[in-house]
Each structure stands twice: as C-alpha cells, then as structure tokens.
PDB file of N, CA and C in Angstrom:
ATOM      1  N   MET A   1     -88.188  93.002 166.803  1.00  0.00           N
ATOM      2  CA  MET A   1     -89.036  91.847 166.555  1.00  0.00           C
ATOM      3  C   MET A   1     -88.615  91.207 165.220  1.00  0.00           C
ATOM      4  N   ALA A   2     -88.349  89.925 165.244  1.00  0.00           N
ATOM      5  CA  ALA A   2     -87.953  89.200 164.034  1.00  0.00           C
ATOM      6  C   ALA A   2     -89.173  88.984 163.141  1.00  0.00           C
ATOM      7  N   THR A   3     -88.941  88.900 161.839  1.00  0.00           N
ATOM      8  CA  THR A   3     -90.066  88.704 160.916  1.00  0.00           C
ATOM      9  C   THR A   3     -90.727  87.345 161.129  1.00  0.00           C
ATOM     10  N   GLU A   4     -90.011  86.377 161.689  1.00  0.00           N
ATOM     11  CA  GLU A   4     -90.602  85.057 161.936  1.00  0.00           C
ATOM     12  C   GLU A   4     -91.645  85.111 163.044  1.00  0.00           C
ATOM     13  N   ASP A   5     -91.601  86.179 163.858  1.00  0.00           N
ATOM     14  CA  ASP A   5     -92.522  86.300 164.989  1.00  0.00           C
ATOM     15  C   ASP A   5     -93.796  87.049 164.635  1.00  0.00           C
ATOM     16  N   ARG A   6     -93.966  87.371 163.351  1.00  0.00           N
ATOM     17  CA  ARG A   6     -95.098  88.192 162.949  1.00  0.00           C
ATOM     18  C   ARG A   6     -95.934  87.492 161.895  1.00  0.00           C
ATOM     19  N   GLY A   7     -97.191  87.857 161.834  1.00  0.00           N
ATOM     20  CA  GLY A   7     -98.041  87.444 160.724  1.00  0.00           C
ATOM     21  C   GLY A   7     -98.753  86.122 160.894  1.00  0.00           C
ATOM     22  N   PHE A   8     -99.594  85.879 159.929  1.00  0.00           N
ATOM     23  CA  PHE A   8    -100.475  84.716 159.911  1.00  0.00           C
ATOM     24  C   PHE A   8     -99.698  83.405 159.908  1.00  0.00           C
ATOM     25  N   ALA A   9     -98.634  83.331 159.118  1.00  0.00           N
ATOM     26  CA  ALA A   9     -97.882  82.082 158.968  1.00  0.00           C
ATOM     27  C   ALA A   9     -97.181  81.660 160.253  1.00  0.00           C
ATOM     28  N   SER A  10     -96.903  82.605 161.132  1.00  0.00           N
ATOM     29  CA  SER A  10     -96.200  82.253 162.370  1.00  0.00           C
ATOM     30  C   SER A  10     -97.150  81.790 163.477  1.00  0.00           C
ATOM     31  N   MET A  11     -98.456  81.873 163.219  1.00  0.00           N
ATOM     32  CA  MET A  11     -99.445  81.473 164.226  1.00  0.00           C
ATOM     33  C   MET A  11     -99.528  79.962 164.359  1.00  0.00           C
ATOM     34  N   ASP A  12    -100.084  79.552 165.457  1.00  0.00           N
ATOM     35  CA  ASP A  12    -100.389  78.148 165.687  1.00  0.00           C
ATOM     36  C   ASP A  12    -101.359  77.686 164.586  1.00  0.00           C
ATOM     37  N   PRO A  13    -101.124  76.501 164.006  1.00  0.00           N
ATOM     38  CA  PRO A  13    -102.001  76.031 162.912  1.00  0.00           C
ATOM     39  C   PRO A  13    -103.489  76.012 163.276  1.00  0.00           C
ATOM     40  N   GLU A  14    -103.811  75.691 164.503  1.00  0.00           N
ATOM     41  CA  GLU A  14    -105.223  75.663 164.903  1.00  0.00           C
ATOM     42  C   GLU A  14    -105.811  77.076 164.900  1.00  0.00           C
ATOM     43  N   LYS A  15    -105.030  78.056 165.324  1.00  0.00           N
ATOM     44  CA  LYS A  15    -105.480  79.452 165.313  1.00  0.00           C
ATOM     45  C   LYS A  15    -105.682  79.921 163.862  1.00  0.00           C
ATOM     46  N   GLN A  16    -104.798  79.515 162.957  1.00  0.00           N
ATOM     47  CA  GLN A  16    -104.948  79.854 161.534  1.00  0.00           C
ATOM     48  C   GLN A  16    -106.257  79.296 160.990  1.00  0.00           C
ATOM     49  N   ARG A  17    -106.525  78.034 161.295  1.00  0.00           N
ATOM     50  CA  ARG A  17    -107.758  77.399 160.810  1.00  0.00           C
ATOM     51  C   ARG A  17    -108.997  78.119 161.345  1.00  0.00           C
ATOM     52  N   GLU A  18    -108.935  78.511 162.616  1.00  0.00           N
ATOM     53  CA  GLU A  18    -110.065  79.205 163.229  1.00  0.00           C
ATOM     54  C   GLU A  18    -110.355  80.527 162.507  1.00  0.00           C
ATOM     55  N   ILE A  19    -109.308  81.293 162.233  1.00  0.00           N
ATOM     56  CA  ILE A  19    -109.471  82.569 161.539  1.00  0.00           C
ATOM     57  C   ILE A  19    -109.963  82.347 160.109  1.00  0.00           C
ATOM     58  N   ALA A  20    -109.384  81.383 159.406  1.00  0.00           N
ATOM     59  CA  ALA A  20    -109.788  81.091 158.032  1.00  0.00           C
ATOM     60  C   ALA A  20    -111.248  80.637 157.977  1.00  0.00           C
ATOM     61  N   ARG A  21    -111.644  79.840 158.945  1.00  0.00           N
ATOM     62  CA  ARG A  21    -113.028  79.358 159.015  1.00  0.00           C
ATOM     63  C   ARG A  21    -113.996  80.533 159.138  1.00  0.00           C
ATOM     64  N   LYS A  22    -113.634  81.498 159.997  1.00  0.00           N
ATOM     65  CA  LYS A  22    -114.496  82.670 160.185  1.00  0.00           C
ATOM     66  C   LYS A  22    -114.624  83.449 158.872  1.00  0.00           C
ATOM     67  N   GLY A  23    -113.521  83.589 158.159  1.00  0.00           N
ATOM     68  CA  GLY A  23    -113.555  84.302 156.883  1.00  0.00           C
ATOM     69  C   GLY A  23    -114.411  83.593 155.854  1.00  0.00           C
ATOM     70  N   GLY A  24    -114.302  82.278 155.809  1.00  0.00           N
ATOM     71  CA  GLY A  24    -115.111  81.501 154.874  1.00  0.00           C
ATOM     72  C   GLY A  24    -116.588  81.604 155.178  1.00  0.00           C
ATOM     73  N   ARG A  25    -116.919  81.517 156.445  1.00  0.00           N
ATOM     74  CA  ARG A  25    -118.330  81.632 156.831  1.00  0.00           C
ATOM     75  C   ARG A  25    -118.872  83.013 156.487  1.00  0.00           C
ATOM     76  N   ALA A  26    -118.088  84.048 156.772  1.00  0.00           N
ATOM     77  CA  ALA A  26    -118.526  85.413 156.497  1.00  0.00           C
ATOM     78  C   ALA A  26    -118.759  85.602 154.998  1.00  0.00           C
ATOM     79  N   ALA A  27    -117.867  85.068 154.172  1.00  0.00           N
ATOM     80  CA  ALA A  27    -118.016  85.211 152.720  1.00  0.00           C
ATOM     81  C   ALA A  27    -119.281  84.507 152.232  1.00  0.00           C
ATOM     82  N   HIS A  28    -119.576  83.344 152.775  1.00  0.00           N
ATOM     83  CA  HIS A  28    -120.784  82.620 152.370  1.00  0.00           C
ATOM     84  C   HIS A  28    -122.035  83.376 152.806  1.00  0.00           C
ATOM     85  N   GLU A  29    -122.010  83.917 154.029  1.00  0.00           N
ATOM     86  CA  GLU A  29    -123.164  84.664 154.513  1.00  0.00           C
ATOM     87  C   GLU A  29    -123.389  85.919 153.675  1.00  0.00           C
ATOM     88  N   LYS A  30    -122.305  86.547 153.268  1.00  0.00           N
ATOM     89  CA  LYS A  30    -122.391  87.769 152.466  1.00  0.00           C
ATOM     90  C   LYS A  30    -122.777  87.455 151.022  1.00  0.00           C
ATOM     91  N   GLY A  31    -122.528  86.227 150.590  1.00  0.00           N
ATOM     92  CA  GLY A  31    -122.864  85.831 149.230  1.00  0.00           C
ATOM     93  C   GLY A  31    -121.748  86.071 148.235  1.00  0.00           C
ATOM     94  N   THR A  32    -120.539  86.308 148.721  1.00  0.00           N
ATOM     95  CA  THR A  32    -119.420  86.576 147.814  1.00  0.00           C
ATOM     96  C   THR A  32    -118.468  85.397 147.673  1.00  0.00           C
ATOM     97  N   ALA A  33    -118.742  84.301 148.354  1.00  0.00           N
ATOM     98  CA  ALA A  33    -117.878  83.123 148.274  1.00  0.00           C
ATOM     99  C   ALA A  33    -118.104  82.414 146.945  1.00  0.00           C
ATOM    100  N   HIS A  34    -117.031  81.932 146.348  1.00  0.00           N
ATOM    101  CA  HIS A  34    -117.156  81.203 145.084  1.00  0.00           C
ATOM    102  C   HIS A  34    -117.380  79.730 145.377  1.00  0.00           C
ATOM    103  N   GLU A  35    -118.351  79.153 144.745  1.00  0.00           N
ATOM    104  CA  GLU A  35    -118.611  77.723 144.882  1.00  0.00           C
ATOM    105  C   GLU A  35    -118.306  77.066 143.547  1.00  0.00           C
ATOM    106  N   TRP A  36    -117.331  76.179 143.554  1.00  0.00           N
ATOM    107  CA  TRP A  36    -116.873  75.520 142.331  1.00  0.00           C
ATOM    108  C   TRP A  36    -117.874  74.488 141.866  1.00  0.00           C
ATOM    109  N   THR A  37    -118.115  74.477 140.556  1.00  0.00           N
ATOM    110  CA  THR A  37    -118.863  73.376 139.971  1.00  0.00           C
ATOM    111  C   THR A  37    -117.857  72.250 139.707  1.00  0.00           C
ATOM    112  N   THR A  38    -118.346  71.072 139.450  1.00  0.00           N
ATOM    113  CA  THR A  38    -117.466  69.945 139.159  1.00  0.00           C
ATOM    114  C   THR A  38    -116.596  70.234 137.941  1.00  0.00           C
ATOM    115  N   ASP A  39    -117.194  70.834 136.917  1.00  0.00           N
ATOM    116  CA  ASP A  39    -116.439  71.137 135.701  1.00  0.00           C
ATOM    117  C   ASP A  39    -115.365  72.198 135.942  1.00  0.00           C
ATOM    118  N   GLU A  40    -115.695  73.233 136.723  1.00  0.00           N
ATOM    119  CA  GLU A  40    -114.696  74.265 137.037  1.00  0.00           C
ATOM    120  C   GLU A  40    -113.517  73.667 137.790  1.00  0.00           C
ATOM    121  N   ALA A  41    -113.795  72.833 138.763  1.00  0.00           N
ATOM    122  CA  ALA A  41    -112.733  72.214 139.548  1.00  0.00           C
ATOM    123  C   ALA A  41    -111.873  71.302 138.678  1.00  0.00           C
ATOM    124  N   ARG A  42    -112.502  70.536 137.810  1.00  0.00           N
ATOM    125  CA  ARG A  42    -111.773  69.636 136.920  1.00  0.00           C
ATOM    126  C   ARG A  42    -110.844  70.431 135.998  1.00  0.00           C
ATOM    127  N   THR A  43    -111.359  71.518 135.421  1.00  0.00           N
ATOM    128  CA  THR A  43    -110.568  72.354 134.521  1.00  0.00           C
ATOM    129  C   THR A  43    -109.396  72.988 135.262  1.00  0.00           C
ATOM    130  N   ALA A  44    -109.643  73.509 136.450  1.00  0.00           N
ATOM    131  CA  ALA A  44    -108.570  74.136 137.230  1.00  0.00           C
ATOM    132  C   ALA A  44    -107.502  73.112 137.596  1.00  0.00           C
ATOM    133  N   GLY A  45    -107.894  71.930 137.987  1.00  0.00           N
ATOM    134  CA  GLY A  45    -106.938  70.880 138.325  1.00  0.00           C
ATOM    135  C   GLY A  45    -106.099  70.466 137.135  1.00  0.00           C
ATOM    136  N   ARG A  46    -106.729  70.372 135.976  1.00  0.00           N
ATOM    137  CA  ARG A  46    -106.008  70.001 134.762  1.00  0.00           C
ATOM    138  C   ARG A  46    -104.990  71.076 134.398  1.00  0.00           C
ATOM    139  N   LYS A  47    -105.386  72.350 134.483  1.00  0.00           N
ATOM    140  CA  LYS A  47    -104.475  73.449 134.170  1.00  0.00           C
ATOM    141  C   LYS A  47    -103.275  73.436 135.111  1.00  0.00           C
ATOM    142  N   GLY A  48    -103.530  73.229 136.396  1.00  0.00           N
ATOM    143  CA  GLY A  48    -102.441  73.189 137.369  1.00  0.00           C
ATOM    144  C   GLY A  48    -101.479  72.052 137.100  1.00  0.00           C
ATOM    145  N   GLY A  49    -102.010  70.893 136.774  1.00  0.00           N
ATOM    146  CA  GLY A  49    -101.163  69.738 136.470  1.00  0.00           C
ATOM    147  C   GLY A  49    -100.331  69.953 135.225  1.00  0.00           C
ATOM    148  N   LEU A  50    -100.939  70.519 134.186  1.00  0.00           N
ATOM    149  CA  LEU A  50    -100.200  70.771 132.953  1.00  0.00           C
ATOM    150  C   LEU A  50     -99.078  71.781 133.182  1.00  0.00           C
ATOM    151  N   THR A  51     -99.363  72.828 133.941  1.00  0.00           N
ATOM    152  CA  THR A  51     -98.355  73.847 134.232  1.00  0.00           C
ATOM    153  C   THR A  51     -97.214  73.254 135.037  1.00  0.00           C
ATOM    154  N   SER A  52     -97.550  72.463 136.029  1.00  0.00           N
ATOM    155  CA  SER A  52     -96.535  71.837 136.871  1.00  0.00           C
ATOM    156  C   SER A  52     -95.614  70.943 136.048  1.00  0.00           C
ATOM    157  N   HIS A  53     -96.185  70.139 135.190  1.00  0.00           N
ATOM    158  CA  HIS A  53     -95.386  69.224 134.374  1.00  0.00           C
ATOM    159  C   HIS A  53     -94.539  69.985 133.357  1.00  0.00           C
ATOM    160  N   GLN A  54     -95.108  71.064 132.811  1.00  0.00           N
ATOM    161  CA  GLN A  54     -94.349  71.870 131.850  1.00  0.00           C
ATOM    162  C   GLN A  54     -93.127  72.486 132.531  1.00  0.00           C
ATOM    163  N   ARG A  55     -93.304  73.002 133.718  1.00  0.00           N
ATOM    164  CA  ARG A  55     -92.178  73.596 134.453  1.00  0.00           C
ATOM    165  C   ARG A  55     -91.107  72.546 134.745  1.00  0.00           C
ATOM    166  N   ARG A  56     -91.529  71.354 135.099  1.00  0.00           N
ATOM    167  CA  ARG A  56     -90.568  70.293 135.390  1.00  0.00           C
ATOM    168  C   ARG A  56     -89.749  69.968 134.140  1.00  0.00           C
ATOM    169  N   ARG A  57     -90.429  69.882 132.979  1.00  0.00           N
ATOM    170  CA  ARG A  57     -89.713  69.617 131.734  1.00  0.00           C
ATOM    171  C   ARG A  57     -88.726  70.744 131.423  1.00  0.00           C
ATOM    172  N   GLU A  58     -89.157  71.985 131.629  1.00  0.00           N
ATOM    173  CA  GLU A  58     -88.273  73.126 131.349  1.00  0.00           C
ATOM    174  C   GLU A  58     -87.045  73.117 132.248  1.00  0.00           C
ATOM    175  N   ARG A  59     -87.225  72.750 133.513  1.00  0.00           N
ATOM    176  CA  ARG A  59     -86.076  72.679 134.431  1.00  0.00           C
ATOM    177  C   ARG A  59     -85.084  71.622 133.990  1.00  0.00           C
ATOM    178  N   ARG A  60     -85.583  70.563 133.400  1.00  0.00           N
ATOM    179  CA  ARG A  60     -84.705  69.486 132.943  1.00  0.00           C
ATOM    180  C   ARG A  60     -84.122  69.766 131.563  1.00  0.00           C
ATOM    181  N   GLY A  61     -84.530  70.872 130.958  1.00  0.00           N
ATOM    182  CA  GLY A  61     -83.991  71.243 129.662  1.00  0.00           C
ATOM    183  C   GLY A  61     -84.644  70.544 128.498  1.00  0.00           C
ATOM    184  N   LEU A  62     -85.825  70.037 128.705  1.00  0.00           N
ATOM    185  CA  LEU A  62     -86.534  69.341 127.628  1.00  0.00           C
ATOM    186  C   LEU A  62     -87.592  70.251 127.048  1.00  0.00           C
ATOM    187  N   SER A  63     -87.922  70.036 125.834  1.00  0.00           N
ATOM    188  CA  SER A  63     -88.941  70.871 125.200  1.00  0.00           C
ATOM    189  C   SER A  63     -90.230  70.095 124.955  1.00  0.00           C
ATOM    190  N   GLY A  64     -90.396  69.010 125.629  1.00  0.00           N
ATOM    191  CA  GLY A  64     -91.630  68.259 125.487  1.00  0.00           C
ATOM    192  C   GLY A  64     -91.481  66.986 124.695  1.00  0.00           C
ATOM    193  N   GLU A  65     -90.309  66.762 124.058  1.00  0.00           N
ATOM    194  CA  GLU A  65     -90.146  65.526 123.302  1.00  0.00           C
ATOM    195  C   GLU A  65     -89.890  64.377 124.274  1.00  0.00           C
ATOM    196  N   PRO A  66     -90.293  63.176 123.917  1.00  0.00           N
ATOM    197  CA  PRO A  66     -90.106  62.030 124.810  1.00  0.00           C
ATOM    198  C   PRO A  66     -88.623  61.737 125.025  1.00  0.00           C
ATOM    199  N   SER A  67     -88.320  61.160 126.183  1.00  0.00           N
ATOM    200  CA  SER A  67     -86.926  60.840 126.469  1.00  0.00           C
ATOM    201  C   SER A  67     -86.512  59.590 125.722  1.00  0.00           C
ATOM    202  N   PRO A  68     -85.223  59.472 125.386  1.00  0.00           N
ATOM    203  CA  PRO A  68     -84.737  58.279 124.670  1.00  0.00           C
ATOM    204  C   PRO A  68     -84.900  57.038 125.544  1.00  0.00           C
ATOM    205  N   PRO A  69     -85.095  55.878 124.926  1.00  0.00           N
ATOM    206  CA  PRO A  69     -85.245  54.647 125.706  1.00  0.00           C
ATOM    207  C   PRO A  69     -84.021  54.413 126.581  1.00  0.00           C
ATOM    208  N   GLY A  70     -84.263  53.990 127.817  1.00  0.00           N
ATOM    209  CA  GLY A  70     -83.171  53.662 128.726  1.00  0.00           C
ATOM    210  C   GLY A  70     -82.595  54.862 129.455  1.00  0.00           C
ATOM    211  N   SER A  71     -83.069  56.070 129.171  1.00  0.00           N
ATOM    212  CA  SER A  71     -82.534  57.248 129.863  1.00  0.00           C
ATOM    213  C   SER A  71     -83.215  57.396 131.215  1.00  0.00           C
ATOM    214  N   MET A  72     -82.498  57.965 132.155  1.00  0.00           N
ATOM    215  CA  MET A  72     -83.052  58.207 133.481  1.00  0.00           C
ATOM    216  C   MET A  72     -83.560  59.623 133.547  1.00  0.00           C
ATOM    217  N   MET A  73     -84.810  59.800 134.013  1.00  0.00           N
ATOM    218  CA  MET A  73     -85.346  61.153 134.161  1.00  0.00           C
ATOM    219  C   MET A  73     -85.570  61.468 135.578  1.00  0.00           C
TER     220      MET A  73
END
C-alpha cells in the first residue's frame, strides 16, 4: 500500500470536513473547545503576519532594512 493511499489527507475533501465537524461538535459539547475572543484572534493574526514577513526577508538575505530606491524585490 502506497503512503498516498493512507490517512486523513488522502480522503475525499467532503469526508474530511464531515469528520472534522464531528470532532468540533464533540469538543464544544465536552467544553474543551477554545473560543477565540476578538483580541486573541487579532494578536494571533498579527504574530503570524510578522513571522511570515520576517521569513520572507531572511530568504531574500535582508535584515529588515528598507530596499534601495529603484530595486526590485
């Protein structure tokens, strides 16, 4: 059996959603599901964006200083 034929990722997307939905409902019923506040979501989004941009700069060999005028990034 090939590894592509196994596991959650190889399932039909609708079947994945169905299973994930059941897990989410169960977590809410059990009381262990995390519910984000607006501030928590905003902070998490900001952290993700900053990390993503930092990695992009590092891949390009920049240390955060602005690029010279007329340069292509």
